[in-house]
Amino acid sequence: MKNLSVILTSVILGAIGQVILKVGANKLGEFSLSLNTLYKDLISIIKTPEIVLGVVFFFMSFLLWIKVLTKNELSYSYPMVSLNYIIIMIISFFIFHEEISIKKIIGTILIVLGVWVVYV
């Protein structure tokens, strides 16, 4: 398999970044992003360490993804990104105590089957 470890690392870093952003967003609370408060909102975002850290994880994921794209076909690599749904669902269950419904489980099974079909 072509650079599968790099693809998986990029996907996992992106998922971790998403979780850290959620922690930061929860800490940040509501904001409007209206023109009147845009500057204040952006400063609040930048001052939230979890959001900055989440962006760092996204950036690392981005750099690895560029490496993936230089070595592989997009149609081969991109389906692996759908594993983010699974990773996020599991992490969200444990960290944010989000519900895992039967619909989510069925959807997850379909995603895994789809990725398996592409990679086998």
PDB file of N, CA and C in Angstrom:
ATOM      1  N   MET A   1       0.847  -1.184   0.000  1.00  0.00           N
ATOM      2  CA  MET A   1       0.000   0.000   0.000  1.00  0.00           C
ATOM      3  C   MET A   1       0.885   1.237   0.000  1.00  0.00           C
ATOM      4  N   LYS A   2       0.474   2.200  -0.760  1.00  0.00           N
ATOM      5  CA  LYS A   2       1.273   3.393  -0.996  1.00  0.00           C
ATOM      6  C   LYS A   2       1.162   4.389   0.155  1.00  0.00           C
ATOM      7  N   ASN A   3       2.242   4.552   0.910  1.00  0.00           N
ATOM      8  CA  ASN A   3       2.293   5.568   1.966  1.00  0.00           C
ATOM      9  C   ASN A   3       1.103   5.504   2.917  1.00  0.00           C
ATOM     10  N   LEU A   4       0.622   4.331   3.211  1.00  0.00           N
ATOM     11  CA  LEU A   4      -0.556   4.209   4.073  1.00  0.00           C
ATOM     12  C   LEU A   4      -0.301   4.803   5.455  1.00  0.00           C
ATOM     13  N   SER A   5       0.907   4.642   5.970  1.00  0.00           N
ATOM     14  CA  SER A   5       1.200   5.195   7.299  1.00  0.00           C
ATOM     15  C   SER A   5       1.152   6.721   7.285  1.00  0.00           C
ATOM     16  N   VAL A   6       1.600   7.335   6.207  1.00  0.00           N
ATOM     17  CA  VAL A   6       1.550   8.802   6.106  1.00  0.00           C
ATOM     18  C   VAL A   6       0.100   9.262   5.969  1.00  0.00           C
ATOM     19  N   ILE A   7      -0.685   8.545   5.188  1.00  0.00           N
ATOM     20  CA  ILE A   7      -2.105   8.881   5.030  1.00  0.00           C
ATOM     21  C   ILE A   7      -2.812   8.789   6.382  1.00  0.00           C
ATOM     22  N   LEU A   8      -2.607   7.685   7.084  1.00  0.00           N
ATOM     23  CA  LEU A   8      -3.261   7.499   8.390  1.00  0.00           C
ATOM     24  C   LEU A   8      -2.809   8.546   9.404  1.00  0.00           C
ATOM     25  N   THR A   9      -1.529   8.880   9.391  1.00  0.00           N
ATOM     26  CA  THR A   9      -1.032   9.907  10.311  1.00  0.00           C
ATOM     27  C   THR A   9      -1.687  11.246  10.027  1.00  0.00           C
ATOM     28  N   SER A  10      -1.810  11.593   8.763  1.00  0.00           N
ATOM     29  CA  SER A  10      -2.471  12.845   8.391  1.00  0.00           C
ATOM     30  C   SER A  10      -3.922  12.852   8.859  1.00  0.00           C
ATOM     31  N   VAL A  11      -4.608  11.750   8.651  1.00  0.00           N
ATOM     32  CA  VAL A  11      -6.012  11.638   9.055  1.00  0.00           C
ATOM     33  C   VAL A  11      -6.143  11.751  10.577  1.00  0.00           C
ATOM     34  N   ILE A  12      -5.291  11.060  11.295  1.00  0.00           N
ATOM     35  CA  ILE A  12      -5.360  11.086  12.760  1.00  0.00           C
ATOM     36  C   ILE A  12      -5.030  12.471  13.305  1.00  0.00           C
ATOM     37  N   LEU A  13      -4.014  13.126  12.745  1.00  0.00           N
ATOM     38  CA  LEU A  13      -3.687  14.490  13.186  1.00  0.00           C
ATOM     39  C   LEU A  13      -4.855  15.440  12.935  1.00  0.00           C
ATOM     40  N   GLY A  14      -5.530  15.277  11.793  1.00  0.00           N
ATOM     41  CA  GLY A  14      -6.700  16.103  11.500  1.00  0.00           C
ATOM     42  C   GLY A  14      -7.824  15.869  12.499  1.00  0.00           C
ATOM     43  N   ALA A  15      -8.033  14.612  12.860  1.00  0.00           N
ATOM     44  CA  ALA A  15      -9.085  14.291  13.837  1.00  0.00           C
ATOM     45  C   ALA A  15      -8.743  14.851  15.212  1.00  0.00           C
ATOM     46  N   ILE A  16      -7.493  14.712  15.614  1.00  0.00           N
ATOM     47  CA  ILE A  16      -7.070  15.268  16.904  1.00  0.00           C
ATOM     48  C   ILE A  16      -7.237  16.784  16.894  1.00  0.00           C
ATOM     49  N   GLY A  17      -6.865  17.409  15.782  1.00  0.00           N
ATOM     50  CA  GLY A  17      -7.049  18.856  15.658  1.00  0.00           C
ATOM     51  C   GLY A  17      -8.504  19.258  15.818  1.00  0.00           C
ATOM     52  N   GLN A  18      -9.388  18.482  15.243  1.00  0.00           N
ATOM     53  CA  GLN A  18     -10.818  18.762  15.344  1.00  0.00           C
ATOM     54  C   GLN A  18     -11.304  18.681  16.794  1.00  0.00           C
ATOM     55  N   VAL A  19     -10.842  17.672  17.513  1.00  0.00           N
ATOM     56  CA  VAL A  19     -11.237  17.504  18.914  1.00  0.00           C
ATOM     57  C   VAL A  19     -10.701  18.659  19.758  1.00  0.00           C
ATOM     58  N   ILE A  20      -9.455  19.023  19.542  1.00  0.00           N
ATOM     59  CA  ILE A  20      -8.868  20.130  20.301  1.00  0.00           C
ATOM     60  C   ILE A  20      -9.598  21.434  19.981  1.00  0.00           C
ATOM     61  N   LEU A  21      -9.970  21.633  18.716  1.00  0.00           N
ATOM     62  CA  LEU A  21     -10.754  22.824  18.355  1.00  0.00           C
ATOM     63  C   LEU A  21     -12.088  22.844  19.088  1.00  0.00           C
ATOM     64  N   LYS A  22     -12.720  21.689  19.218  1.00  0.00           N
ATOM     65  CA  LYS A  22     -13.996  21.611  19.936  1.00  0.00           C
ATOM     66  C   LYS A  22     -13.817  21.992  21.401  1.00  0.00           C
ATOM     67  N   VAL A  23     -12.746  21.524  22.013  1.00  0.00           N
ATOM     68  CA  VAL A  23     -12.456  21.900  23.399  1.00  0.00           C
ATOM     69  C   VAL A  23     -12.287  23.418  23.485  1.00  0.00           C
ATOM     70  N   GLY A  24     -11.541  23.985  22.540  1.00  0.00           N
ATOM     71  CA  GLY A  24     -11.347  25.431  22.515  1.00  0.00           C
ATOM     72  C   GLY A  24     -12.633  26.187  22.257  1.00  0.00           C
ATOM     73  N   ALA A  25     -13.458  25.674  21.364  1.00  0.00           N
ATOM     74  CA  ALA A  25     -14.737  26.333  21.061  1.00  0.00           C
ATOM     75  C   ALA A  25     -15.654  26.310  22.280  1.00  0.00           C
ATOM     76  N   ASN A  26     -15.649  25.193  23.010  1.00  0.00           N
ATOM     77  CA  ASN A  26     -16.445  25.126  24.241  1.00  0.00           C
ATOM     78  C   ASN A  26     -15.959  26.150  25.258  1.00  0.00           C
ATOM     79  N   LYS A  27     -14.653  26.294  25.348  1.00  0.00           N
ATOM     80  CA  LYS A  27     -14.067  27.265  26.273  1.00  0.00           C
ATOM     81  C   LYS A  27     -14.370  28.696  25.822  1.00  0.00           C
ATOM     82  N   LEU A  28     -14.325  28.919  24.522  1.00  0.00           N
ATOM     83  CA  LEU A  28     -14.555  30.249  23.951  1.00  0.00           C
ATOM     84  C   LEU A  28     -15.989  30.703  24.166  1.00  0.00           C
ATOM     85  N   GLY A  29     -16.928  29.798  23.982  1.00  0.00           N
ATOM     86  CA  GLY A  29     -18.341  30.149  24.115  1.00  0.00           C
ATOM     87  C   GLY A  29     -18.868  30.801  22.852  1.00  0.00           C
ATOM     88  N   GLU A  30     -20.005  31.438  22.980  1.00  0.00           N
ATOM     89  CA  GLU A  30     -20.679  32.054  21.828  1.00  0.00           C
ATOM     90  C   GLU A  30     -19.957  33.316  21.371  1.00  0.00           C
ATOM     91  N   PHE A  31     -19.956  33.510  20.077  1.00  0.00           N
ATOM     92  CA  PHE A  31     -19.507  34.770  19.507  1.00  0.00           C
ATOM     93  C   PHE A  31     -20.214  34.948  18.182  1.00  0.00           C
ATOM     94  N   SER A  32     -20.309  36.190  17.721  1.00  0.00           N
ATOM     95  CA  SER A  32     -21.194  36.469  16.590  1.00  0.00           C
ATOM     96  C   SER A  32     -20.491  36.525  15.241  1.00  0.00           C
ATOM     97  N   LEU A  33     -19.245  36.920  15.213  1.00  0.00           N
ATOM     98  CA  LEU A  33     -18.523  37.160  13.962  1.00  0.00           C
ATOM     99  C   LEU A  33     -19.228  38.178  13.069  1.00  0.00           C
ATOM    100  N   SER A  34     -19.947  39.095  13.670  1.00  0.00           N
ATOM    101  CA  SER A  34     -20.536  40.183  12.889  1.00  0.00           C
ATOM    102  C   SER A  34     -19.444  41.213  12.619  1.00  0.00           C
ATOM    103  N   LEU A  35     -19.685  42.095  11.683  1.00  0.00           N
ATOM    104  CA  LEU A  35     -18.690  43.118  11.369  1.00  0.00           C
ATOM    105  C   LEU A  35     -18.368  43.981  12.585  1.00  0.00           C
ATOM    106  N   ASN A  36     -19.354  44.208  13.437  1.00  0.00           N
ATOM    107  CA  ASN A  36     -19.142  45.040  14.622  1.00  0.00           C
ATOM    108  C   ASN A  36     -18.209  44.394  15.640  1.00  0.00           C
ATOM    109  N   THR A  37     -18.214  43.068  15.698  1.00  0.00           N
ATOM    110  CA  THR A  37     -17.423  42.379  16.725  1.00  0.00           C
ATOM    111  C   THR A  37     -16.313  41.504  16.138  1.00  0.00           C
ATOM    112  N   LEU A  38     -16.086  41.602  14.848  1.00  0.00           N
ATOM    113  CA  LEU A  38     -15.137  40.714  14.178  1.00  0.00           C
ATOM    114  C   LEU A  38     -13.742  40.775  14.805  1.00  0.00           C
ATOM    115  N   TYR A  39     -13.222  41.968  15.016  1.00  0.00           N
ATOM    116  CA  TYR A  39     -11.878  42.119  15.583  1.00  0.00           C
ATOM    117  C   TYR A  39     -11.815  41.492  16.975  1.00  0.00           C
ATOM    118  N   LYS A  40     -12.781  41.815  17.804  1.00  0.00           N
ATOM    119  CA  LYS A  40     -12.840  41.278  19.171  1.00  0.00           C
ATOM    120  C   LYS A  40     -12.954  39.750  19.149  1.00  0.00           C
ATOM    121  N   ASP A  41     -13.790  39.232  18.254  1.00  0.00           N
ATOM    122  CA  ASP A  41     -13.964  37.782  18.150  1.00  0.00           C
ATOM    123  C   ASP A  41     -12.667  37.100  17.708  1.00  0.00           C
ATOM    124  N   LEU A  42     -11.986  37.679  16.728  1.00  0.00           N
ATOM    125  CA  LEU A  42     -10.731  37.092  16.248  1.00  0.00           C
ATOM    126  C   LEU A  42      -9.664  37.101  17.340  1.00  0.00           C
ATOM    127  N   ILE A  43      -9.597  38.176  18.101  1.00  0.00           N
ATOM    128  CA  ILE A  43      -8.645  38.240  19.219  1.00  0.00           C
ATOM    129  C   ILE A  43      -8.976  37.161  20.249  1.00  0.00           C
ATOM    130  N   SER A  44     -10.254  36.978  20.547  1.00  0.00           N
ATOM    131  CA  SER A  44     -10.668  35.930  21.495  1.00  0.00           C
ATOM    132  C   SER A  44     -10.265  34.550  20.992  1.00  0.00           C
ATOM    133  N   ILE A  45     -10.434  34.327  19.704  1.00  0.00           N
ATOM    134  CA  ILE A  45     -10.063  33.039  19.106  1.00  0.00           C
ATOM    135  C   ILE A  45      -8.558  32.819  19.234  1.00  0.00           C
ATOM    136  N   ILE A  46      -7.779  33.826  18.879  1.00  0.00           N
ATOM    137  CA  ILE A  46      -6.318  33.718  18.922  1.00  0.00           C
ATOM    138  C   ILE A  46      -5.810  33.531  20.351  1.00  0.00           C
ATOM    139  N   LYS A  47      -6.524  34.078  21.320  1.00  0.00           N
ATOM    140  CA  LYS A  47      -6.112  33.972  22.724  1.00  0.00           C
ATOM    141  C   LYS A  47      -6.559  32.665  23.385  1.00  0.00           C
ATOM    142  N   THR A  48      -7.243  31.825  22.649  1.00  0.00           N
ATOM    143  CA  THR A  48      -7.686  30.544  23.205  1.00  0.00           C
ATOM    144  C   THR A  48      -6.661  29.478  22.812  1.00  0.00           C
ATOM    145  N   PRO A  49      -5.839  29.018  23.765  1.00  0.00           N
ATOM    146  CA  PRO A  49      -4.736  28.103  23.441  1.00  0.00           C
ATOM    147  C   PRO A  49      -5.181  26.822  22.734  1.00  0.00           C
ATOM    148  N   GLU A  50      -6.332  26.291  23.118  1.00  0.00           N
ATOM    149  CA  GLU A  50      -6.801  25.052  22.488  1.00  0.00           C
ATOM    150  C   GLU A  50      -7.102  25.260  21.009  1.00  0.00           C
ATOM    151  N   ILE A  51      -7.600  26.415  20.658  1.00  0.00           N
ATOM    152  CA  ILE A  51      -7.875  26.691  19.245  1.00  0.00           C
ATOM    153  C   ILE A  51      -6.566  26.808  18.474  1.00  0.00           C
ATOM    154  N   VAL A  52      -5.601  27.497  19.045  1.00  0.00           N
ATOM    155  CA  VAL A  52      -4.292  27.616  18.395  1.00  0.00           C
ATOM    156  C   VAL A  52      -3.660  26.233  18.235  1.00  0.00           C
ATOM    157  N   LEU A  53      -3.731  25.406  19.276  1.00  0.00           N
ATOM    158  CA  LEU A  53      -3.173  24.058  19.201  1.00  0.00           C
ATOM    159  C   LEU A  53      -3.908  23.210  18.158  1.00  0.00           C
ATOM    160  N   GLY A  54      -5.226  23.344  18.094  1.00  0.00           N
ATOM    161  CA  GLY A  54      -5.992  22.627  17.075  1.00  0.00           C
ATOM    162  C   GLY A  54      -5.560  23.010  15.672  1.00  0.00           C
ATOM    163  N   VAL A  55      -5.306  24.288  15.456  1.00  0.00           N
ATOM    164  CA  VAL A  55      -4.837  24.763  14.147  1.00  0.00           C
ATOM    165  C   VAL A  55      -3.448  24.192  13.848  1.00  0.00           C
ATOM    166  N   VAL A  56      -2.597  24.091  14.862  1.00  0.00           N
ATOM    167  CA  VAL A  56      -1.266  23.496  14.673  1.00  0.00           C
ATOM    168  C   VAL A  56      -1.404  22.043  14.209  1.00  0.00           C
ATOM    169  N   PHE A  57      -2.305  21.294  14.838  1.00  0.00           N
ATOM    170  CA  PHE A  57      -2.530  19.907  14.413  1.00  0.00           C
ATOM    171  C   PHE A  57      -3.052  19.849  12.980  1.00  0.00           C
ATOM    172  N   PHE A  58      -3.971  20.750  12.632  1.00  0.00           N
ATOM    173  CA  PHE A  58      -4.460  20.806  11.254  1.00  0.00           C
ATOM    174  C   PHE A  58      -3.328  21.111  10.282  1.00  0.00           C
ATOM    175  N   PHE A  59      -2.442  22.014  10.668  1.00  0.00           N
ATOM    176  CA  PHE A  59      -1.331  22.378   9.794  1.00  0.00           C
ATOM    177  C   PHE A  59      -0.393  21.187   9.591  1.00  0.00           C
ATOM    178  N   MET A  60      -0.104  20.441  10.657  1.00  0.00           N
ATOM    179  CA  MET A  60       0.730  19.242  10.512  1.00  0.00           C
ATOM    180  C   MET A  60       0.043  18.224   9.601  1.00  0.00           C
ATOM    181  N   SER A  61      -1.257  18.068   9.780  1.00  0.00           N
ATOM    182  CA  SER A  61      -2.029  17.174   8.920  1.00  0.00           C
ATOM    183  C   SER A  61      -1.957  17.634   7.467  1.00  0.00           C
ATOM    184  N   PHE A  62      -2.086  18.937   7.266  1.00  0.00           N
ATOM    185  CA  PHE A  62      -2.013  19.535   5.930  1.00  0.00           C
ATOM    186  C   PHE A  62      -0.668  19.237   5.269  1.00  0.00           C
ATOM    187  N   LEU A  63       0.426  19.425   6.002  1.00  0.00           N
ATOM    188  CA  LEU A  63       1.755  19.173   5.435  1.00  0.00           C
ATOM    189  C   LEU A  63       1.907  17.715   5.018  1.00  0.00           C
ATOM    190  N   LEU A  64       1.460  16.810   5.870  1.00  0.00           N
ATOM    191  CA  LEU A  64       1.525  15.390   5.510  1.00  0.00           C
ATOM    192  C   LEU A  64       0.622  15.079   4.325  1.00  0.00           C
ATOM    193  N   TRP A  65      -0.533  15.735   4.273  1.00  0.00           N
ATOM    194  CA  TRP A  65      -1.464  15.485   3.169  1.00  0.00           C
ATOM    195  C   TRP A  65      -0.857  15.921   1.837  1.00  0.00           C
ATOM    196  N   ILE A  66      -0.126  17.031   1.844  1.00  0.00           N
ATOM    197  CA  ILE A  66       0.564  17.465   0.622  1.00  0.00           C
ATOM    198  C   ILE A  66       1.562  16.391   0.197  1.00  0.00           C
ATOM    199  N   LYS A  67       2.292  15.832   1.152  1.00  0.00           N
ATOM    200  CA  LYS A  67       3.221  14.741   0.844  1.00  0.00           C
ATOM    201  C   LYS A  67       2.467  13.558   0.234  1.00  0.00           C
ATOM    202  N   VAL A  68       1.327  13.218   0.817  1.00  0.00           N
ATOM    203  CA  VAL A  68       0.507  12.118   0.297  1.00  0.00           C
ATOM    204  C   VAL A  68       0.112  12.394  -1.151  1.00  0.00           C
ATOM    205  N   LEU A  69      -0.343  13.618  -1.412  1.00  0.00           N
ATOM    206  CA  LEU A  69      -0.819  13.954  -2.756  1.00  0.00           C
ATOM    207  C   LEU A  69       0.294  13.940  -3.791  1.00  0.00           C
ATOM    208  N   THR A  70       1.534  14.185  -3.361  1.00  0.00           N
ATOM    209  CA  THR A  70       2.640  14.146  -4.321  1.00  0.00           C
ATOM    210  C   THR A  70       3.019  12.717  -4.691  1.00  0.00           C
ATOM    211  N   LYS A  71       2.610  11.757  -3.883  1.00  0.00           N
ATOM    212  CA  LYS A  71       3.023  10.363  -4.093  1.00  0.00           C
ATOM    213  C   LYS A  71       1.898   9.435  -4.548  1.00  0.00           C
ATOM    214  N   ASN A  72       0.641   9.859  -4.394  1.00  0.00           N
ATOM    215  CA  ASN A  72      -0.484   8.948  -4.631  1.00  0.00           C
ATOM    216  C   ASN A  72      -1.577   9.610  -5.453  1.00  0.00           C
ATOM    217  N   GLU A  73      -2.406   8.772  -6.022  1.00  0.00           N
ATOM    218  CA  GLU A  73      -3.602   9.277  -6.696  1.00  0.00           C
ATOM    219  C   GLU A  73      -4.584   9.772  -5.637  1.00  0.00           C
ATOM    220  N   LEU A  74      -5.268  10.858  -5.942  1.00  0.00           N
ATOM    221  CA  LEU A  74      -6.251  11.410  -5.017  1.00  0.00           C
ATOM    222  C   LEU A  74      -7.377  10.407  -4.772  1.00  0.00           C
ATOM    223  N   SER A  75      -7.787   9.711  -5.822  1.00  0.00           N
ATOM    224  CA  SER A  75      -8.879   8.746  -5.679  1.00  0.00           C
ATOM    225  C   SER A  75      -8.479   7.560  -4.801  1.00  0.00           C
ATOM    226  N   TYR A  76      -7.197   7.331  -4.641  1.00  0.00           N
ATOM    227  CA  TYR A  76      -6.712   6.293  -3.729  1.00  0.00           C
ATOM    228  C   TYR A  76      -6.651   6.824  -2.295  1.00  0.00           C
ATOM    229  N   SER A  77      -6.151   8.037  -2.141  1.00  0.00           N
ATOM    230  CA  SER A  77      -5.874   8.595  -0.814  1.00  0.00           C
ATOM    231  C   SER A  77      -7.103   9.150  -0.111  1.00  0.00           C
ATOM    232  N   TYR A  78      -7.942   9.846  -0.847  1.00  0.00           N
ATOM    233  CA  TYR A  78      -9.011  10.609  -0.205  1.00  0.00           C
ATOM    234  C   TYR A  78     -10.032   9.767   0.558  1.00  0.00           C
ATOM    235  N   PRO A  79     -10.397   8.581   0.111  1.00  0.00           N
ATOM    236  CA  PRO A  79     -11.370   7.797   0.891  1.00  0.00           C
ATOM    237  C   PRO A  79     -10.939   7.561   2.339  1.00  0.00           C
ATOM    238  N   MET A  80      -9.638   7.533   2.588  1.00  0.00           N
ATOM    239  CA  MET A  80      -9.160   7.317   3.953  1.00  0.00           C
ATOM    240  C   MET A  80      -9.558   8.470   4.875  1.00  0.00           C
ATOM    241  N   VAL A  81      -9.761   9.653   4.324  1.00  0.00           N
ATOM    242  CA  VAL A  81     -10.179  10.809   5.126  1.00  0.00           C
ATOM    243  C   VAL A  81     -11.521  10.531   5.801  1.00  0.00           C
ATOM    244  N   SER A  82     -12.345   9.699   5.191  1.00  0.00           N
ATOM    245  CA  SER A  82     -13.654   9.400   5.782  1.00  0.00           C
ATOM    246  C   SER A  82     -13.524   8.675   7.122  1.00  0.00           C
ATOM    247  N   LEU A  83     -12.351   8.138   7.406  1.00  0.00           N
ATOM    248  CA  LEU A  83     -12.141   7.516   8.715  1.00  0.00           C
ATOM    249  C   LEU A  83     -12.216   8.544   9.837  1.00  0.00           C
ATOM    250  N   ASN A  84     -12.074   9.821   9.500  1.00  0.00           N
ATOM    251  CA  ASN A  84     -12.237  10.879  10.500  1.00  0.00           C
ATOM    252  C   ASN A  84     -13.589  10.780  11.195  1.00  0.00           C
ATOM    253  N   TYR A  85     -14.632  10.424  10.458  1.00  0.00           N
ATOM    254  CA  TYR A  85     -15.960  10.290  11.061  1.00  0.00           C
ATOM    255  C   TYR A  85     -15.928   9.286  12.208  1.00  0.00           C
ATOM    256  N   ILE A  86     -15.248   8.193  11.984  1.00  0.00           N
ATOM    257  CA  ILE A  86     -15.183   7.134  12.986  1.00  0.00           C
ATOM    258  C   ILE A  86     -14.345   7.578  14.184  1.00  0.00           C
ATOM    259  N   ILE A  87     -13.178   8.124  13.891  1.00  0.00           N
ATOM    260  CA  ILE A  87     -12.282   8.572  14.961  1.00  0.00           C
ATOM    261  C   ILE A  87     -12.968   9.628  15.815  1.00  0.00           C
ATOM    262  N   ILE A  88     -13.585  10.603  15.161  1.00  0.00           N
ATOM    263  CA  ILE A  88     -14.260  11.693  15.875  1.00  0.00           C
ATOM    264  C   ILE A  88     -15.425  11.155  16.708  1.00  0.00           C
ATOM    265  N   MET A  89     -16.183  10.224  16.153  1.00  0.00           N
ATOM    266  CA  MET A  89     -17.323   9.673  16.886  1.00  0.00           C
ATOM    267  C   MET A  89     -16.856   8.985  18.173  1.00  0.00           C
ATOM    268  N   ILE A  90     -15.801   8.205  18.072  1.00  0.00           N
ATOM    269  CA  ILE A  90     -15.303   7.479  19.245  1.00  0.00           C
ATOM    270  C   ILE A  90     -14.729   8.445  20.281  1.00  0.00           C
ATOM    271  N   ILE A  91     -13.895   9.371  19.835  1.00  0.00           N
ATOM    272  CA  ILE A  91     -13.302  10.339  20.767  1.00  0.00           C
ATOM    273  C   ILE A  91     -14.392  11.199  21.400  1.00  0.00           C
ATOM    274  N   SER A  92     -15.373  11.616  20.613  1.00  0.00           N
ATOM    275  CA  SER A  92     -16.457  12.463  21.131  1.00  0.00           C
ATOM    276  C   SER A  92     -17.281  11.739  22.188  1.00  0.00           C
ATOM    277  N   PHE A  93     -17.426  10.443  22.026  1.00  0.00           N
ATOM    278  CA  PHE A  93     -18.148   9.651  23.021  1.00  0.00           C
ATOM    279  C   PHE A  93     -17.434   9.712  24.371  1.00  0.00           C
ATOM    280  N   PHE A  94     -16.117   9.536  24.346  1.00  0.00           N
ATOM    281  CA  PHE A  94     -15.355   9.487  25.597  1.00  0.00           C
ATOM    282  C   PHE A  94     -15.073  10.867  26.184  1.00  0.00           C
ATOM    283  N   ILE A  95     -14.754  11.837  25.354  1.00  0.00           N
ATOM    284  CA  ILE A  95     -14.358  13.154  25.873  1.00  0.00           C
ATOM    285  C   ILE A  95     -15.558  14.067  26.103  1.00  0.00           C
ATOM    286  N   PHE A  96     -16.475  14.103  25.133  1.00  0.00           N
ATOM    287  CA  PHE A  96     -17.602  15.038  25.219  1.00  0.00           C
ATOM    288  C   PHE A  96     -18.902  14.355  25.641  1.00  0.00           C
ATOM    289  N   HIS A  97     -18.840  13.043  25.859  1.00  0.00           N
ATOM    290  CA  HIS A  97     -20.005  12.252  26.279  1.00  0.00           C
ATOM    291  C   HIS A  97     -21.159  12.372  25.280  1.00  0.00           C
ATOM    292  N   GLU A  98     -20.800  12.408  23.997  1.00  0.00           N
ATOM    293  CA  GLU A  98     -21.818  12.470  22.949  1.00  0.00           C
ATOM    294  C   GLU A  98     -22.383  11.072  22.715  1.00  0.00           C
ATOM    295  N   GLU A  99     -23.637  11.040  22.357  1.00  0.00           N
ATOM    296  CA  GLU A  99     -24.341   9.774  22.147  1.00  0.00           C
ATOM    297  C   GLU A  99     -23.866   9.100  20.859  1.00  0.00           C
ATOM    298  N   ILE A 100     -23.775   7.775  20.905  1.00  0.00           N
ATOM    299  CA  ILE A 100     -23.531   6.989  19.694  1.00  0.00           C
ATOM    300  C   ILE A 100     -24.820   6.227  19.415  1.00  0.00           C
ATOM    301  N   SER A 101     -25.560   6.706  18.437  1.00  0.00           N
ATOM    302  CA  SER A 101     -26.854   6.109  18.102  1.00  0.00           C
ATOM    303  C   SER A 101     -26.671   4.937  17.141  1.00  0.00           C
ATOM    304  N   ILE A 102     -27.720   4.175  16.960  1.00  0.00           N
ATOM    305  CA  ILE A 102     -27.695   3.064  16.007  1.00  0.00           C
ATOM    306  C   ILE A 102     -27.435   3.577  14.594  1.00  0.00           C
ATOM    307  N   LYS A 103     -27.972   4.758  14.262  1.00  0.00           N
ATOM    308  CA  LYS A 103     -27.710   5.353  12.944  1.00  0.00           C
ATOM    309  C   LYS A 103     -26.218   5.616  12.755  1.00  0.00           C
ATOM    310  N   LYS A 104     -25.574   6.134  13.793  1.00  0.00           N
ATOM    311  CA  LYS A 104     -24.134   6.405  13.704  1.00  0.00           C
ATOM    312  C   LYS A 104     -23.351   5.106  13.544  1.00  0.00           C
ATOM    313  N   ILE A 105     -23.775   4.075  14.250  1.00  0.00           N
ATOM    314  CA  ILE A 105     -23.085   2.786  14.152  1.00  0.00           C
ATOM    315  C   ILE A 105     -23.230   2.210  12.747  1.00  0.00           C
ATOM    316  N   ILE A 106     -24.431   2.247  12.203  1.00  0.00           N
ATOM    317  CA  ILE A 106     -24.660   1.744  10.840  1.00  0.00           C
ATOM    318  C   ILE A 106     -23.852   2.563   9.840  1.00  0.00           C
ATOM    319  N   GLY A 107     -23.872   3.880   9.990  1.00  0.00           N
ATOM    320  CA  GLY A 107     -23.090   4.746   9.107  1.00  0.00           C
ATOM    321  C   GLY A 107     -21.605   4.441   9.188  1.00  0.00           C
ATOM    322  N   THR A 108     -21.130   4.201  10.384  1.00  0.00           N
ATOM    323  CA  THR A 108     -19.717   3.875  10.589  1.00  0.00           C
ATOM    324  C   THR A 108     -19.352   2.567   9.902  1.00  0.00           C
ATOM    325  N   ILE A 109     -20.211   1.580  10.020  1.00  0.00           N
ATOM    326  CA  ILE A 109     -19.971   0.296   9.354  1.00  0.00           C
ATOM    327  C   ILE A 109     -19.903   0.490   7.842  1.00  0.00           C
ATOM    328  N   LEU A 110     -20.802   1.298   7.308  1.00  0.00           N
ATOM    329  CA  LEU A 110     -20.788   1.558   5.863  1.00  0.00           C
ATOM    330  C   LEU A 110     -19.509   2.281   5.437  1.00  0.00           C
ATOM    331  N   ILE A 111     -19.051   3.220   6.258  1.00  0.00           N
ATOM    332  CA  ILE A 111     -17.805   3.929   5.948  1.00  0.00           C
ATOM    333  C   ILE A 111     -16.628   2.950   5.928  1.00  0.00           C
ATOM    334  N   VAL A 112     -16.545   2.108   6.946  1.00  0.00           N
ATOM    335  CA  VAL A 112     -15.453   1.135   7.013  1.00  0.00           C
ATOM    336  C   VAL A 112     -15.491   0.210   5.803  1.00  0.00           C
ATOM    337  N   LEU A 113     -16.675  -0.249   5.436  1.00  0.00           N
ATOM    338  CA  LEU A 113     -16.801  -1.112   4.254  1.00  0.00           C
ATOM    339  C   LEU A 113     -16.359  -0.382   2.992  1.00  0.00           C
ATOM    340  N   GLY A 114     -16.742   0.880   2.870  1.00  0.00           N
ATOM    341  CA  GLY A 114     -16.344   1.667   1.701  1.00  0.00           C
ATOM    342  C   GLY A 114     -14.840   1.841   1.611  1.00  0.00           C
ATOM    343  N   VAL A 115     -14.211   2.158   2.722  1.00  0.00           N
ATOM    344  CA  VAL A 115     -12.749   2.311   2.732  1.00  0.00           C
ATOM    345  C   VAL A 115     -12.088   0.967   2.436  1.00  0.00           C
ATOM    346  N   TRP A 116     -12.614  -0.090   3.010  1.00  0.00           N
ATOM    347  CA  TRP A 116     -12.066  -1.421   2.766  1.00  0.00           C
ATOM    348  C   TRP A 116     -12.129  -1.774   1.277  1.00  0.00           C
ATOM    349  N   VAL A 117     -13.247  -1.471   0.627  1.00  0.00           N
ATOM    350  CA  VAL A 117     -13.403  -1.768  -0.801  1.00  0.00           C
ATOM    351  C   VAL A 117     -12.341  -1.034  -1.620  1.00  0.00           C
ATOM    352  N   VAL A 118     -12.066   0.214  -1.278  1.00  0.00           N
ATOM    353  CA  VAL A 118     -11.079   1.001  -2.023  1.00  0.00           C
ATOM    354  C   VAL A 118      -9.671   0.454  -1.814  1.00  0.00           C
ATOM    355  N   TYR A 119      -9.347   0.006  -0.613  1.00  0.00           N
ATOM    356  CA  TYR A 119      -7.979  -0.372  -0.287  1.00  0.00           C
ATOM    357  C   TYR A 119      -7.649  -1.842  -0.471  1.00  0.00           C
ATOM    358  N   VAL A 120      -8.648  -2.685  -0.679  1.00  0.00           N
ATOM    359  CA  VAL A 120      -8.351  -4.117  -0.845  1.00  0.00           C
ATOM    360  C   VAL A 120      -8.252  -4.469  -2.305  1.00  0.00           C
TER     361      VAL A 120
END
